[in-house]
């Protein structure tokens, strides 16, 4: 629902807000592999 709100519905309401949200979502997509790697590192660090 959040993804649909931020990628489709907002475009009809406010195009400038759509552009700002899209930039943030693209950044989050670009760094998600780093977040996943950090979560895995933390998981194994705490299990020792």
ModelCIF file with pLDDT and N, C-alpha, C, O atoms, coordinates in Angstrom:
data_MODEL
#
_entry.id   MODEL 
#
_entity.id                         1 
_entity.type                       polymer 
_entity.pdbx_number_of_molecules   1 
#
_entity_poly.entity_id                      1 
_entity_poly.type                           'polypeptide(L)' 
_entity_poly.nstd_linkage                   no 
_entity_poly.nstd_monomer                   no 
_entity_poly.pdbx_seq_one_letter_code       
;(UNK)(UNK)(UNK)(UNK)(UNK)(UNK)(UNK)(UNK)(UNK)(UNK)(UNK)(UNK)(UNK)(UNK)(UNK)(UNK)
(UNK)(UNK)(UNK)(UNK)(UNK)(UNK)(UNK)(UNK)(UNK)(UNK)(UNK)(UNK)(UNK)(UNK)(UNK)(UNK)
(UNK)(UNK)(UNK)(UNK)(UNK)(UNK)(UNK)(UNK)(UNK)(UNK)(UNK)(UNK)(UNK)(UNK)(UNK)(UNK)
;
_entity_poly.pdbx_seq_one_letter_code_can   XXXXXXXXXXXXXXXXXXXXXXXXXXXXXXXXXXXXXXXXXXXXXXXX 
_entity_poly.pdbx_strand_id                 A 
#
loop_
_entity_poly_seq.entity_id 
_entity_poly_seq.num 
_entity_poly_seq.mon_id 
_entity_poly_seq.hetero 
1 1  UNK n 
1 2  UNK n 
1 3  UNK n 
1 4  UNK n 
1 5  UNK n 
1 6  UNK n 
1 7  UNK n 
1 8  UNK n 
1 9  UNK n 
1 10 UNK n 
1 11 UNK n 
1 12 UNK n 
1 13 UNK n 
1 14 UNK n 
1 15 UNK n 
1 16 UNK n 
1 17 UNK n 
1 18 UNK n 
1 19 UNK n 
1 20 UNK n 
1 21 UNK n 
1 22 UNK n 
1 23 UNK n 
1 24 UNK n 
1 25 UNK n 
1 26 UNK n 
1 27 UNK n 
1 28 UNK n 
1 29 UNK n 
1 30 UNK n 
1 31 UNK n 
1 32 UNK n 
1 33 UNK n 
1 34 UNK n 
1 35 UNK n 
1 36 UNK n 
1 37 UNK n 
1 38 UNK n 
1 39 UNK n 
1 40 UNK n 
1 41 UNK n 
1 42 UNK n 
1 43 UNK n 
1 44 UNK n 
1 45 UNK n 
1 46 UNK n 
1 47 UNK n 
1 48 UNK n 
#
_struct_asym.id          A 
_struct_asym.entity_id   1 
#
loop_
_ma_qa_metric.id 
_ma_qa_metric.mode 
_ma_qa_metric.name 
_ma_qa_metric.software_group_id 
_ma_qa_metric.type 
1 global pLDDT . pLDDT 
2 local  pLDDT . pLDDT 
#
_ma_qa_metric_global.metric_id      1 
_ma_qa_metric_global.metric_value   85.56 
_ma_qa_metric_global.model_id       1 
_ma_qa_metric_global.ordinal_id     1 
#
loop_
_ma_qa_metric_local.label_asym_id 
_ma_qa_metric_local.label_comp_id 
_ma_qa_metric_local.label_seq_id 
_ma_qa_metric_local.metric_id 
_ma_qa_metric_local.metric_value 
_ma_qa_metric_local.model_id 
_ma_qa_metric_local.ordinal_id 
A UNK 1  2 95.00 1 1  
A UNK 2  2 96.00 1 2  
A UNK 3  2 94.00 1 3  
A UNK 4  2 94.00 1 4  
A UNK 5  2 93.00 1 5  
A UNK 6  2 93.00 1 6  
A UNK 7  2 91.00 1 7  
A UNK 8  2 92.00 1 8  
A UNK 9  2 94.00 1 9  
A UNK 10 2 94.00 1 10 
A UNK 11 2 93.00 1 11 
A UNK 12 2 92.00 1 12 
A UNK 13 2 93.00 1 13 
A UNK 14 2 92.00 1 14 
A UNK 15 2 93.00 1 15 
A UNK 16 2 94.00 1 16 
A UNK 17 2 94.00 1 17 
A UNK 18 2 95.00 1 18 
A UNK 19 2 95.00 1 19 
A UNK 20 2 95.00 1 20 
A UNK 21 2 96.00 1 21 
A UNK 22 2 94.00 1 22 
A UNK 23 2 95.00 1 23 
A UNK 24 2 94.00 1 24 
A UNK 25 2 92.00 1 25 
A UNK 26 2 92.00 1 26 
A UNK 27 2 93.00 1 27 
A UNK 28 2 90.00 1 28 
A UNK 29 2 87.00 1 29 
A UNK 30 2 88.00 1 30 
A UNK 31 2 82.00 1 31 
A UNK 32 2 76.00 1 32 
A UNK 33 2 74.00 1 33 
A UNK 34 2 70.00 1 34 
A UNK 35 2 70.00 1 35 
A UNK 36 2 70.00 1 36 
A UNK 37 2 72.00 1 37 
A UNK 38 2 69.00 1 38 
A UNK 39 2 69.00 1 39 
A UNK 40 2 76.00 1 40 
A UNK 41 2 72.00 1 41 
A UNK 42 2 76.00 1 42 
A UNK 43 2 76.00 1 43 
A UNK 44 2 76.00 1 44 
A UNK 45 2 75.00 1 45 
A UNK 46 2 75.00 1 46 
A UNK 47 2 69.00 1 47 
A UNK 48 2 67.00 1 48 
#
loop_
_atom_site.group_PDB 
_atom_site.id 
_atom_site.type_symbol 
_atom_site.label_atom_id 
_atom_site.label_alt_id 
_atom_site.label_comp_id 
_atom_site.label_asym_id 
_atom_site.label_entity_id 
_atom_site.label_seq_id 
_atom_site.pdbx_PDB_ins_code 
_atom_site.Cartn_x 
_atom_site.Cartn_y 
_atom_site.Cartn_z 
_atom_site.occupancy 
_atom_site.B_iso_or_equiv 
_atom_site.pdbx_formal_charge 
_atom_site.auth_seq_id 
_atom_site.auth_comp_id 
_atom_site.auth_asym_id 
_atom_site.auth_atom_id 
_atom_site.pdbx_PDB_model_num 
ATOM 1   N N  . UNK A 1 1  ? 0.835  -1.200  0.000  1.00 95.00 ? 1  UNK A N  1 
ATOM 2   C CA . UNK A 1 1  ? 0.000  0.000   0.000  1.00 95.00 ? 1  UNK A CA 1 
ATOM 3   C C  . UNK A 1 1  ? 0.871  1.252   0.000  1.00 95.00 ? 1  UNK A C  1 
ATOM 4   O O  . UNK A 1 1  ? 0.619  2.188   -0.759 1.00 95.00 ? 1  UNK A O  1 
ATOM 5   N N  . UNK A 1 2  ? 1.894  1.269   0.849  1.00 96.00 ? 2  UNK A N  1 
ATOM 6   C CA . UNK A 1 2  ? 2.793  2.429   0.909  1.00 96.00 ? 2  UNK A CA 1 
ATOM 7   C C  . UNK A 1 2  ? 3.490  2.613   -0.425 1.00 96.00 ? 2  UNK A C  1 
ATOM 8   O O  . UNK A 1 2  ? 3.618  3.738   -0.908 1.00 96.00 ? 2  UNK A O  1 
ATOM 9   N N  . UNK A 1 3  ? 3.939  1.528   -1.023 1.00 94.00 ? 3  UNK A N  1 
ATOM 10  C CA . UNK A 1 3  ? 4.628  1.631   -2.308 1.00 94.00 ? 3  UNK A CA 1 
ATOM 11  C C  . UNK A 1 3  ? 3.693  2.171   -3.385 1.00 94.00 ? 3  UNK A C  1 
ATOM 12  O O  . UNK A 1 3  ? 4.091  3.025   -4.177 1.00 94.00 ? 3  UNK A O  1 
ATOM 13  N N  . UNK A 1 4  ? 2.470  1.688   -3.421 1.00 94.00 ? 4  UNK A N  1 
ATOM 14  C CA . UNK A 1 4  ? 1.501  2.177   -4.408 1.00 94.00 ? 4  UNK A CA 1 
ATOM 15  C C  . UNK A 1 4  ? 1.181  3.644   -4.160 1.00 94.00 ? 4  UNK A C  1 
ATOM 16  O O  . UNK A 1 4  ? 1.063  4.425   -5.103 1.00 94.00 ? 4  UNK A O  1 
ATOM 17  N N  . UNK A 1 5  ? 1.042  4.020   -2.890 1.00 93.00 ? 5  UNK A N  1 
ATOM 18  C CA . UNK A 1 5  ? 0.789  5.424   -2.548 1.00 93.00 ? 5  UNK A CA 1 
ATOM 19  C C  . UNK A 1 5  ? 1.922  6.310   -3.045 1.00 93.00 ? 5  UNK A C  1 
ATOM 20  O O  . UNK A 1 5  ? 1.679  7.381   -3.602 1.00 93.00 ? 5  UNK A O  1 
ATOM 21  N N  . UNK A 1 6  ? 3.150  5.871   -2.847 1.00 93.00 ? 6  UNK A N  1 
ATOM 22  C CA . UNK A 1 6  ? 4.322  6.702   -3.150 1.00 93.00 ? 6  UNK A CA 1 
ATOM 23  C C  . UNK A 1 6  ? 4.765  6.643   -4.604 1.00 93.00 ? 6  UNK A C  1 
ATOM 24  O O  . UNK A 1 6  ? 5.512  7.510   -5.056 1.00 93.00 ? 6  UNK A O  1 
ATOM 25  N N  . UNK A 1 7  ? 4.324  5.653   -5.330 1.00 91.00 ? 7  UNK A N  1 
ATOM 26  C CA . UNK A 1 7  ? 4.775  5.555   -6.714 1.00 91.00 ? 7  UNK A CA 1 
ATOM 27  C C  . UNK A 1 7  ? 3.689  5.866   -7.742 1.00 91.00 ? 7  UNK A C  1 
ATOM 28  O O  . UNK A 1 7  ? 4.000  6.218   -8.880 1.00 91.00 ? 7  UNK A O  1 
ATOM 29  N N  . UNK A 1 8  ? 2.418  5.737   -7.352 1.00 92.00 ? 8  UNK A N  1 
ATOM 30  C CA . UNK A 1 8  ? 1.337  5.970   -8.313 1.00 92.00 ? 8  UNK A CA 1 
ATOM 31  C C  . UNK A 1 8  ? 0.362  7.061   -7.862 1.00 92.00 ? 8  UNK A C  1 
ATOM 32  O O  . UNK A 1 8  ? 0.131  8.032   -8.583 1.00 92.00 ? 8  UNK A O  1 
ATOM 33  N N  . UNK A 1 9  ? -0.197 6.898   -6.685 1.00 94.00 ? 9  UNK A N  1 
ATOM 34  C CA . UNK A 1 9  ? -1.271 7.797   -6.252 1.00 94.00 ? 9  UNK A CA 1 
ATOM 35  C C  . UNK A 1 9  ? -0.796 9.228   -6.035 1.00 94.00 ? 9  UNK A C  1 
ATOM 36  O O  . UNK A 1 9  ? -1.527 10.170  -6.339 1.00 94.00 ? 9  UNK A O  1 
ATOM 37  N N  . UNK A 1 10 ? 0.409  9.408   -5.518 1.00 94.00 ? 10 UNK A N  1 
ATOM 38  C CA . UNK A 1 10 ? 0.895  10.756  -5.226 1.00 94.00 ? 10 UNK A CA 1 
ATOM 39  C C  . UNK A 1 10 ? 1.090  11.566  -6.502 1.00 94.00 ? 10 UNK A C  1 
ATOM 40  O O  . UNK A 1 10 ? 0.996  12.794  -6.478 1.00 94.00 ? 10 UNK A O  1 
ATOM 41  N N  . UNK A 1 11 ? 1.356  10.899  -7.597 1.00 93.00 ? 11 UNK A N  1 
ATOM 42  C CA . UNK A 1 11 ? 1.567  11.601  -8.871 1.00 93.00 ? 11 UNK A CA 1 
ATOM 43  C C  . UNK A 1 11 ? 0.329  12.401  -9.270 1.00 93.00 ? 11 UNK A C  1 
ATOM 44  O O  . UNK A 1 11 ? 0.451  13.473  -9.864 1.00 93.00 ? 11 UNK A O  1 
ATOM 45  N N  . UNK A 1 12 ? -0.856 11.892  -8.952 1.00 92.00 ? 12 UNK A N  1 
ATOM 46  C CA . UNK A 1 12 ? -2.104 12.594  -9.273 1.00 92.00 ? 12 UNK A CA 1 
ATOM 47  C C  . UNK A 1 12 ? -2.338 13.795  -8.355 1.00 92.00 ? 12 UNK A C  1 
ATOM 48  O O  . UNK A 1 12 ? -3.011 14.752  -8.738 1.00 92.00 ? 12 UNK A O  1 
ATOM 49  N N  . UNK A 1 13 ? -1.781 13.740  -7.147 1.00 93.00 ? 13 UNK A N  1 
ATOM 50  C CA . UNK A 1 13 ? -2.060 14.755  -6.138 1.00 93.00 ? 13 UNK A CA 1 
ATOM 51  C C  . UNK A 1 13 ? -1.033 15.887  -6.160 1.00 93.00 ? 13 UNK A C  1 
ATOM 52  O O  . UNK A 1 13 ? -1.399 17.061  -6.202 1.00 93.00 ? 13 UNK A O  1 
ATOM 53  N N  . UNK A 1 14 ? 0.263  15.529  -6.130 1.00 92.00 ? 14 UNK A N  1 
ATOM 54  C CA . UNK A 1 14 ? 1.320  16.531  -6.006 1.00 92.00 ? 14 UNK A CA 1 
ATOM 55  C C  . UNK A 1 14 ? 2.573  16.024  -6.721 1.00 92.00 ? 14 UNK A C  1 
ATOM 56  O O  . UNK A 1 14 ? 3.274  15.154  -6.204 1.00 92.00 ? 14 UNK A O  1 
ATOM 57  N N  . UNK A 1 15 ? 2.851  16.559  -7.893 1.00 93.00 ? 15 UNK A N  1 
ATOM 58  C CA . UNK A 1 15 ? 3.977  16.060  -8.688 1.00 93.00 ? 15 UNK A CA 1 
ATOM 59  C C  . UNK A 1 15 ? 5.329  16.414  -8.085 1.00 93.00 ? 15 UNK A C  1 
ATOM 60  O O  . UNK A 1 15 ? 6.277  15.640  -8.218 1.00 93.00 ? 15 UNK A O  1 
ATOM 61  N N  . UNK A 1 16 ? 5.443  17.558  -7.429 1.00 94.00 ? 16 UNK A N  1 
ATOM 62  C CA . UNK A 1 16 ? 6.741  17.908  -6.831 1.00 94.00 ? 16 UNK A CA 1 
ATOM 63  C C  . UNK A 1 16 ? 7.049  16.990  -5.647 1.00 94.00 ? 16 UNK A C  1 
ATOM 64  O O  . UNK A 1 16 ? 8.199  16.596  -5.454 1.00 94.00 ? 16 UNK A O  1 
ATOM 65  N N  . UNK A 1 17 ? 6.037  16.650  -4.858 1.00 94.00 ? 17 UNK A N  1 
ATOM 66  C CA . UNK A 1 17 ? 6.236  15.699  -3.761 1.00 94.00 ? 17 UNK A CA 1 
ATOM 67  C C  . UNK A 1 17 ? 6.568  14.320  -4.317 1.00 94.00 ? 17 UNK A C  1 
ATOM 68  O O  . UNK A 1 17 ? 7.386  13.597  -3.748 1.00 94.00 ? 17 UNK A O  1 
ATOM 69  N N  . UNK A 1 18 ? 5.937  13.959  -5.422 1.00 95.00 ? 18 UNK A N  1 
ATOM 70  C CA . UNK A 1 18 ? 6.239  12.680  -6.080 1.00 95.00 ? 18 UNK A CA 1 
ATOM 71  C C  . UNK A 1 18 ? 7.717  12.596  -6.449 1.00 95.00 ? 18 UNK A C  1 
ATOM 72  O O  . UNK A 1 18 ? 8.349  11.561  -6.238 1.00 95.00 ? 18 UNK A O  1 
ATOM 73  N N  . UNK A 1 19 ? 8.271  13.672  -6.995 1.00 95.00 ? 19 UNK A N  1 
ATOM 74  C CA . UNK A 1 19 ? 9.689  13.683  -7.386 1.00 95.00 ? 19 UNK A CA 1 
ATOM 75  C C  . UNK A 1 19 ? 10.596 13.488  -6.176 1.00 95.00 ? 19 UNK A C  1 
ATOM 76  O O  . UNK A 1 19 ? 11.569 12.738  -6.245 1.00 95.00 ? 19 UNK A O  1 
ATOM 77  N N  . UNK A 1 20 ? 10.287 14.152  -5.079 1.00 95.00 ? 20 UNK A N  1 
ATOM 78  C CA . UNK A 1 20 ? 11.120 14.033  -3.868 1.00 95.00 ? 20 UNK A CA 1 
ATOM 79  C C  . UNK A 1 20 ? 11.039 12.627  -3.284 1.00 95.00 ? 20 UNK A C  1 
ATOM 80  O O  . UNK A 1 20 ? 12.055 12.057  -2.886 1.00 95.00 ? 20 UNK A O  1 
ATOM 81  N N  . UNK A 1 21 ? 9.831  12.066  -3.231 1.00 96.00 ? 21 UNK A N  1 
ATOM 82  C CA . UNK A 1 21 ? 9.668  10.708  -2.695 1.00 96.00 ? 21 UNK A CA 1 
ATOM 83  C C  . UNK A 1 21 ? 10.360 9.697   -3.598 1.00 96.00 ? 21 UNK A C  1 
ATOM 84  O O  . UNK A 1 21 ? 10.999 8.763   -3.113 1.00 96.00 ? 21 UNK A O  1 
ATOM 85  N N  . UNK A 1 22 ? 10.238 9.877   -4.899 1.00 94.00 ? 22 UNK A N  1 
ATOM 86  C CA . UNK A 1 22 ? 10.871 8.953   -5.839 1.00 94.00 ? 22 UNK A CA 1 
ATOM 87  C C  . UNK A 1 22 ? 12.382 8.937   -5.644 1.00 94.00 ? 22 UNK A C  1 
ATOM 88  O O  . UNK A 1 22 ? 12.994 7.870   -5.678 1.00 94.00 ? 22 UNK A O  1 
ATOM 89  N N  . UNK A 1 23 ? 12.991 10.101  -5.440 1.00 95.00 ? 23 UNK A N  1 
ATOM 90  C CA . UNK A 1 23 ? 14.435 10.160  -5.204 1.00 95.00 ? 23 UNK A CA 1 
ATOM 91  C C  . UNK A 1 23 ? 14.832 9.377   -3.958 1.00 95.00 ? 23 UNK A C  1 
ATOM 92  O O  . UNK A 1 23 ? 15.836 8.664   -3.964 1.00 95.00 ? 23 UNK A O  1 
ATOM 93  N N  . UNK A 1 24 ? 14.049 9.506   -2.891 1.00 94.00 ? 24 UNK A N  1 
ATOM 94  C CA . UNK A 1 24 ? 14.348 8.776   -1.657 1.00 94.00 ? 24 UNK A CA 1 
ATOM 95  C C  . UNK A 1 24 ? 14.170 7.278   -1.857 1.00 94.00 ? 24 UNK A C  1 
ATOM 96  O O  . UNK A 1 24 ? 14.996 6.490   -1.398 1.00 94.00 ? 24 UNK A O  1 
ATOM 97  N N  . UNK A 1 25 ? 13.101 6.878   -2.537 1.00 92.00 ? 25 UNK A N  1 
ATOM 98  C CA . UNK A 1 25 ? 12.875 5.450   -2.771 1.00 92.00 ? 25 UNK A CA 1 
ATOM 99  C C  . UNK A 1 25 ? 13.961 4.855   -3.657 1.00 92.00 ? 25 UNK A C  1 
ATOM 100 O O  . UNK A 1 25 ? 14.382 3.719   -3.436 1.00 92.00 ? 25 UNK A O  1 
ATOM 101 N N  . UNK A 1 26 ? 14.419 5.598   -4.652 1.00 92.00 ? 26 UNK A N  1 
ATOM 102 C CA . UNK A 1 26 ? 15.513 5.114   -5.501 1.00 92.00 ? 26 UNK A CA 1 
ATOM 103 C C  . UNK A 1 26 ? 16.799 4.968   -4.696 1.00 92.00 ? 26 UNK A C  1 
ATOM 104 O O  . UNK A 1 26 ? 17.542 4.005   -4.885 1.00 92.00 ? 26 UNK A O  1 
ATOM 105 N N  . UNK A 1 27 ? 17.064 5.912   -3.805 1.00 93.00 ? 27 UNK A N  1 
ATOM 106 C CA . UNK A 1 27 ? 18.255 5.807   -2.950 1.00 93.00 ? 27 UNK A CA 1 
ATOM 107 C C  . UNK A 1 27 ? 18.161 4.570   -2.055 1.00 93.00 ? 27 UNK A C  1 
ATOM 108 O O  . UNK A 1 27 ? 19.124 3.815   -1.924 1.00 93.00 ? 27 UNK A O  1 
ATOM 109 N N  . UNK A 1 28 ? 16.989 4.372   -1.438 1.00 90.00 ? 28 UNK A N  1 
ATOM 110 C CA . UNK A 1 28 ? 16.805 3.203   -0.578 1.00 90.00 ? 28 UNK A CA 1 
ATOM 111 C C  . UNK A 1 28 ? 16.980 1.904   -1.351 1.00 90.00 ? 28 UNK A C  1 
ATOM 112 O O  . UNK A 1 28 ? 17.531 0.937   -0.826 1.00 90.00 ? 28 UNK A O  1 
ATOM 113 N N  . UNK A 1 29 ? 16.519 1.878   -2.581 1.00 87.00 ? 29 UNK A N  1 
ATOM 114 C CA . UNK A 1 29 ? 16.694 0.697   -3.420 1.00 87.00 ? 29 UNK A CA 1 
ATOM 115 C C  . UNK A 1 29 ? 18.177 0.461   -3.729 1.00 87.00 ? 29 UNK A C  1 
ATOM 116 O O  . UNK A 1 29 ? 18.639 -0.679  -3.763 1.00 87.00 ? 29 UNK A O  1 
ATOM 117 N N  . UNK A 1 30 ? 18.906 1.543   -3.953 1.00 88.00 ? 30 UNK A N  1 
ATOM 118 C CA . UNK A 1 30 ? 20.324 1.416   -4.290 1.00 88.00 ? 30 UNK A CA 1 
ATOM 119 C C  . UNK A 1 30 ? 21.163 0.923   -3.113 1.00 88.00 ? 30 UNK A C  1 
ATOM 120 O O  . UNK A 1 30 ? 22.189 0.276   -3.323 1.00 88.00 ? 30 UNK A O  1 
ATOM 121 N N  . UNK A 1 31 ? 20.753 1.212   -1.893 1.00 82.00 ? 31 UNK A N  1 
ATOM 122 C CA . UNK A 1 31 ? 21.561 0.823   -0.732 1.00 82.00 ? 31 UNK A CA 1 
ATOM 123 C C  . UNK A 1 31 ? 20.977 -0.347  0.050  1.00 82.00 ? 31 UNK A C  1 
ATOM 124 O O  . UNK A 1 31 ? 21.484 -0.677  1.121  1.00 82.00 ? 31 UNK A O  1 
ATOM 125 N N  . UNK A 1 32 ? 19.934 -0.976  -0.455 1.00 76.00 ? 32 UNK A N  1 
ATOM 126 C CA . UNK A 1 32 ? 19.315 -2.049  0.332  1.00 76.00 ? 32 UNK A CA 1 
ATOM 127 C C  . UNK A 1 32 ? 20.245 -3.235  0.517  1.00 76.00 ? 32 UNK A C  1 
ATOM 128 O O  . UNK A 1 32 ? 20.170 -3.907  1.546  1.00 76.00 ? 32 UNK A O  1 
ATOM 129 N N  . UNK A 1 33 ? 21.110 -3.514  -0.432 1.00 74.00 ? 33 UNK A N  1 
ATOM 130 C CA . UNK A 1 33 ? 22.041 -4.626  -0.258 1.00 74.00 ? 33 UNK A CA 1 
ATOM 131 C C  . UNK A 1 33 ? 23.025 -4.340  0.875  1.00 74.00 ? 33 UNK A C  1 
ATOM 132 O O  . UNK A 1 33 ? 23.496 -5.266  1.536  1.00 74.00 ? 33 UNK A O  1 
ATOM 133 N N  . UNK A 1 34 ? 23.333 -3.085  1.099  1.00 70.00 ? 34 UNK A N  1 
ATOM 134 C CA . UNK A 1 34 ? 24.215 -2.721  2.205  1.00 70.00 ? 34 UNK A CA 1 
ATOM 135 C C  . UNK A 1 34 ? 23.510 -2.902  3.549  1.00 70.00 ? 34 UNK A C  1 
ATOM 136 O O  . UNK A 1 34 ? 24.118 -3.365  4.514  1.00 70.00 ? 34 UNK A O  1 
ATOM 137 N N  . UNK A 1 35 ? 22.239 -2.540  3.611  1.00 70.00 ? 35 UNK A N  1 
ATOM 138 C CA . UNK A 1 35 ? 21.472 -2.715  4.844  1.00 70.00 ? 35 UNK A CA 1 
ATOM 139 C C  . UNK A 1 35 ? 21.339 -4.194  5.185  1.00 70.00 ? 35 UNK A C  1 
ATOM 140 O O  . UNK A 1 35 ? 21.475 -4.585  6.345  1.00 70.00 ? 35 UNK A O  1 
ATOM 141 N N  . UNK A 1 36 ? 21.072 -5.011  4.175  1.00 70.00 ? 36 UNK A N  1 
ATOM 142 C CA . UNK A 1 36 ? 20.949 -6.442  4.413  1.00 70.00 ? 36 UNK A CA 1 
ATOM 143 C C  . UNK A 1 36 ? 22.256 -7.049  4.890  1.00 70.00 ? 36 UNK A C  1 
ATOM 144 O O  . UNK A 1 36 ? 22.259 -7.892  5.787  1.00 70.00 ? 36 UNK A O  1 
ATOM 145 N N  . UNK A 1 37 ? 23.353 -6.632  4.304  1.00 72.00 ? 37 UNK A N  1 
ATOM 146 C CA . UNK A 1 37 ? 24.668 -7.128  4.723  1.00 72.00 ? 37 UNK A CA 1 
ATOM 147 C C  . UNK A 1 37 ? 24.988 -6.730  6.146  1.00 72.00 ? 37 UNK A C  1 
ATOM 148 O O  . UNK A 1 37 ? 25.541 -7.526  6.906  1.00 72.00 ? 37 UNK A O  1 
ATOM 149 N N  . UNK A 1 38 ? 24.648 -5.510  6.516  1.00 69.00 ? 38 UNK A N  1 
ATOM 150 C CA . UNK A 1 38 ? 24.891 -5.044  7.884  1.00 69.00 ? 38 UNK A CA 1 
ATOM 151 C C  . UNK A 1 38 ? 24.029 -5.812  8.880  1.00 69.00 ? 38 UNK A C  1 
ATOM 152 O O  . UNK A 1 38 ? 24.498 -6.152  9.966  1.00 69.00 ? 38 UNK A O  1 
ATOM 153 N N  . UNK A 1 39 ? 22.783 -6.090  8.529  1.00 69.00 ? 39 UNK A N  1 
ATOM 154 C CA . UNK A 1 39 ? 21.901 -6.848  9.418  1.00 69.00 ? 39 UNK A CA 1 
ATOM 155 C C  . UNK A 1 39 ? 22.448 -8.255  9.641  1.00 69.00 ? 39 UNK A C  1 
ATOM 156 O O  . UNK A 1 39 ? 22.405 -8.769  10.759 1.00 69.00 ? 39 UNK A O  1 
ATOM 157 N N  . UNK A 1 40 ? 22.955 -8.871  8.595  1.00 76.00 ? 40 UNK A N  1 
ATOM 158 C CA . UNK A 1 40 ? 23.528 -10.211 8.715  1.00 76.00 ? 40 UNK A CA 1 
ATOM 159 C C  . UNK A 1 40 ? 24.778 -10.173 9.592  1.00 76.00 ? 40 UNK A C  1 
ATOM 160 O O  . UNK A 1 40 ? 24.976 -11.052 10.432 1.00 76.00 ? 40 UNK A O  1 
ATOM 161 N N  . UNK A 1 41 ? 25.613 -9.169  9.402  1.00 72.00 ? 41 UNK A N  1 
ATOM 162 C CA . UNK A 1 41 ? 26.828 -9.039  10.199 1.00 72.00 ? 41 UNK A CA 1 
ATOM 163 C C  . UNK A 1 41 ? 26.480 -8.884  11.678 1.00 72.00 ? 41 UNK A C  1 
ATOM 164 O O  . UNK A 1 41 ? 27.093 -9.518  12.537 1.00 72.00 ? 41 UNK A O  1 
ATOM 165 N N  . UNK A 1 42 ? 25.497 -8.043  11.967 1.00 76.00 ? 42 UNK A N  1 
ATOM 166 C CA . UNK A 1 42 ? 25.074 -7.837  13.352 1.00 76.00 ? 42 UNK A CA 1 
ATOM 167 C C  . UNK A 1 42 ? 24.503 -9.124  13.952 1.00 76.00 ? 42 UNK A C  1 
ATOM 168 O O  . UNK A 1 42 ? 24.750 -9.432  15.117 1.00 76.00 ? 42 UNK A O  1 
ATOM 169 N N  . UNK A 1 43 ? 23.753 -9.858  13.166 1.00 76.00 ? 43 UNK A N  1 
ATOM 170 C CA . UNK A 1 43 ? 23.145 -11.100 13.645 1.00 76.00 ? 43 UNK A CA 1 
ATOM 171 C C  . UNK A 1 43 ? 24.221 -12.084 14.093 1.00 76.00 ? 43 UNK A C  1 
ATOM 172 O O  . UNK A 1 43 ? 24.122 -12.667 15.173 1.00 76.00 ? 43 UNK A O  1 
ATOM 173 N N  . UNK A 1 44 ? 25.236 -12.267 13.275 1.00 76.00 ? 44 UNK A N  1 
ATOM 174 C CA . UNK A 1 44 ? 26.273 -13.234 13.605 1.00 76.00 ? 44 UNK A CA 1 
ATOM 175 C C  . UNK A 1 44 ? 27.230 -12.699 14.660 1.00 76.00 ? 44 UNK A C  1 
ATOM 176 O O  . UNK A 1 44 ? 27.825 -13.482 15.400 1.00 76.00 ? 44 UNK A O  1 
ATOM 177 N N  . UNK A 1 45 ? 27.386 -11.408 14.742 1.00 75.00 ? 45 UNK A N  1 
ATOM 178 C CA . UNK A 1 45 ? 28.243 -10.808 15.760 1.00 75.00 ? 45 UNK A CA 1 
ATOM 179 C C  . UNK A 1 45 ? 27.641 -11.024 17.148 1.00 75.00 ? 45 UNK A C  1 
ATOM 180 O O  . UNK A 1 45 ? 28.357 -11.306 18.109 1.00 75.00 ? 45 UNK A O  1 
ATOM 181 N N  . UNK A 1 46 ? 26.315 -10.888 17.240 1.00 75.00 ? 46 UNK A N  1 
ATOM 182 C CA . UNK A 1 46 ? 25.655 -11.046 18.552 1.00 75.00 ? 46 UNK A CA 1 
ATOM 183 C C  . UNK A 1 46 ? 25.457 -12.507 18.931 1.00 75.00 ? 46 UNK A C  1 
ATOM 184 O O  . UNK A 1 46 ? 25.269 -12.806 20.110 1.00 75.00 ? 46 UNK A O  1 
ATOM 185 N N  . UNK A 1 47 ? 25.492 -13.423 17.975 1.00 69.00 ? 47 UNK A N  1 
ATOM 186 C CA . UNK A 1 47 ? 25.259 -14.828 18.296 1.00 69.00 ? 47 UNK A CA 1 
ATOM 187 C C  . UNK A 1 47 ? 26.519 -15.516 18.819 1.00 69.00 ? 47 UNK A C  1 
ATOM 188 O O  . UNK A 1 47 ? 26.445 -16.649 19.295 1.00 69.00 ? 47 UNK A O  1 
ATOM 189 N N  . UNK A 1 48 ? 27.657 -14.864 18.741 1.00 67.00 ? 48 UNK A N  1 
ATOM 190 C CA . UNK A 1 48 ? 28.895 -15.515 19.217 1.00 67.00 ? 48 UNK A CA 1 
ATOM 191 C C  . UNK A 1 48 ? 29.094 -15.348 20.661 1.00 67.00 ? 48 UNK A C  1 
ATOM 192 O O  . UNK A 1 48 ? 30.083 -15.835 21.208 1.00 67.00 ? 48 UNK A O  1 
#
